[in-house]
Protein backbone atom coordinates (compact mmCIF):
# COMPACT_ATOMS: atom_id res chain seq x y z
CA UNK A 1 27.41 41.71 92.53
CA UNK A 2 23.58 42.64 92.10
CA UNK A 3 21.59 41.12 89.39
CA UNK A 4 19.47 43.21 87.10
CA UNK A 5 16.17 41.32 87.32
CA UNK A 6 14.76 42.62 83.75
CA UNK A 7 18.15 41.92 82.05
CA UNK A 8 18.00 38.37 83.38
CA UNK A 9 14.34 37.91 81.99
CA UNK A 10 15.51 39.18 78.73
CA UNK A 11 18.38 36.64 78.49
CA UNK A 12 16.09 33.66 79.73
CA UNK A 13 13.56 34.85 76.99
CA UNK A 14 16.24 34.80 74.33
CA UNK A 15 17.64 31.43 75.41
CA UNK A 16 14.09 29.88 75.36
CA UNK A 17 13.46 31.35 71.87
CA UNK A 18 16.91 29.90 70.65
CA UNK A 19 15.91 26.53 72.00
CA UNK A 20 12.44 26.54 70.42
CA UNK A 21 14.16 27.59 67.13
CA UNK A 22 16.79 24.92 67.29
CA UNK A 23 14.18 22.27 68.00
CA UNK A 24 12.05 23.55 65.06
CA UNK A 25 14.81 23.26 62.55
CA UNK A 26 16.20 19.88 63.77
CA UNK A 27 16.28 17.23 60.95
CA UNK A 28 13.00 15.18 60.93
CA UNK A 29 11.06 17.93 62.40
CA UNK A 30 9.23 18.86 59.04
CA UNK A 31 6.97 16.64 57.13
CA UNK A 32 8.44 15.09 54.11
CA UNK A 33 7.39 16.71 50.77
CA UNK A 34 5.99 13.31 49.87
CA UNK A 35 3.79 13.50 52.83
CA UNK A 36 2.62 16.89 51.79
CA UNK A 37 2.24 16.64 48.03
CA UNK A 38 1.26 12.91 47.93
CA UNK A 39 -1.60 10.80 48.71
CA UNK A 40 -1.77 8.17 51.47
CA UNK A 41 -0.99 5.20 48.95
CA UNK A 42 2.19 6.77 48.02
CA UNK A 43 3.82 6.57 51.57
CA UNK A 44 3.47 2.65 51.39
CA UNK A 45 4.86 2.65 47.80
CA UNK A 46 7.97 4.53 48.74
CA UNK A 47 8.78 1.91 51.17
CA UNK A 48 8.47 -0.92 48.48
CA UNK A 49 10.65 -1.69 45.53
CA UNK A 50 9.67 -1.78 41.93
CA UNK A 51 7.96 0.86 39.83
CA UNK A 52 4.92 3.01 40.68
CA UNK A 53 2.17 4.57 38.54
CA UNK A 54 1.63 8.24 39.42
CA UNK A 55 -0.12 11.43 38.28
CA UNK A 56 2.05 14.41 38.82
CA UNK A 57 0.56 17.93 38.92
CA UNK A 58 3.10 20.45 37.44
CA UNK A 59 3.15 24.24 38.13
CA UNK A 60 4.74 24.82 34.75
CA UNK A 61 2.49 22.58 32.91
CA UNK A 62 5.15 20.22 31.57
CA UNK A 63 7.95 22.43 29.98
CA UNK A 64 10.79 20.58 28.37
CA UNK A 65 13.05 21.46 31.30
CA UNK A 66 10.44 19.84 33.84
CA UNK A 67 10.07 16.75 31.64
CA UNK A 68 13.86 16.30 31.30
CA UNK A 69 14.16 16.34 35.33
CA UNK A 70 11.19 13.78 35.64
CA UNK A 71 13.06 11.53 33.20
CA UNK A 72 16.12 11.99 35.21
CA UNK A 73 14.52 10.45 38.05
CA UNK A 74 13.84 7.47 35.97
CA UNK A 75 10.30 8.54 35.02
CA UNK A 76 8.57 7.18 31.87
CA UNK A 77 5.84 9.45 30.82
CA UNK A 78 2.89 7.54 29.24
CA UNK A 79 0.28 10.20 29.14
CA UNK A 80 0.31 13.96 28.92
CA UNK A 81 -2.71 15.34 30.97
CA UNK A 82 -2.61 19.02 29.61
CA UNK A 83 -6.11 20.05 30.80
CA UNK A 84 -5.10 19.52 34.31
CA UNK A 85 -1.40 20.55 33.75
CA UNK A 86 -0.20 16.95 34.88
CA UNK A 87 1.48 13.97 33.39
CA UNK A 88 0.90 10.24 34.11
CA UNK A 89 4.38 8.33 34.52
CA UNK A 90 5.96 5.21 36.04
CA UNK A 91 9.07 5.66 38.02
CA UNK A 92 11.25 3.75 40.48
CA UNK A 93 9.41 4.01 43.91
CA UNK A 94 12.81 4.68 45.55
CA UNK A 95 12.70 8.20 43.65
CA UNK A 96 9.36 9.26 44.99
CA UNK A 97 10.96 11.60 47.69
CA UNK A 98 13.08 13.11 45.09
CA UNK A 99 10.04 13.68 42.93
CA UNK A 100 8.17 15.39 45.56
CA UNK A 101 11.20 17.63 46.34
CA UNK A 102 10.96 19.11 42.85
CA UNK A 103 9.65 22.42 43.13
CA UNK A 104 7.61 22.51 40.13
CA UNK A 105 5.75 19.31 41.40
CA UNK A 106 2.50 20.56 43.08
CA UNK A 107 0.79 17.26 43.84
CA UNK A 108 1.37 13.47 43.41
CA UNK A 109 -1.47 10.95 43.16
CA UNK A 110 -1.20 7.22 42.68
CA UNK A 111 -2.65 6.20 39.35
CA UNK A 112 -4.82 3.42 40.31
CA UNK A 113 -7.44 1.25 38.27
CA UNK A 114 -10.81 1.79 39.65
CA UNK A 115 -14.08 -0.30 39.40
CA UNK A 116 -17.65 0.59 39.41
């Protein structure tokens, strides 16, 4: 049996491309939405227990449906920041990943006290 060299090269290329695709799509190969949408303080807060104070930027500006989803995660909104299309809220730290997974959440910042 004779091998067709160009066919062998094509098959090898297809196998290599499939292996790269499978590796890229493997669980854990993507950064979490919290790492992408959040600040560095939130990574530590997500590993702790209790409630965290955050400012959440919303693509829809805080529609009733968005507010309901935030409250469904245990969020307690204490300030509407309409000028920057955001809300300040507290929520259980265990729900930070779920908050980041919401499609209308564009950024999450820790709401910290600052001193001059």
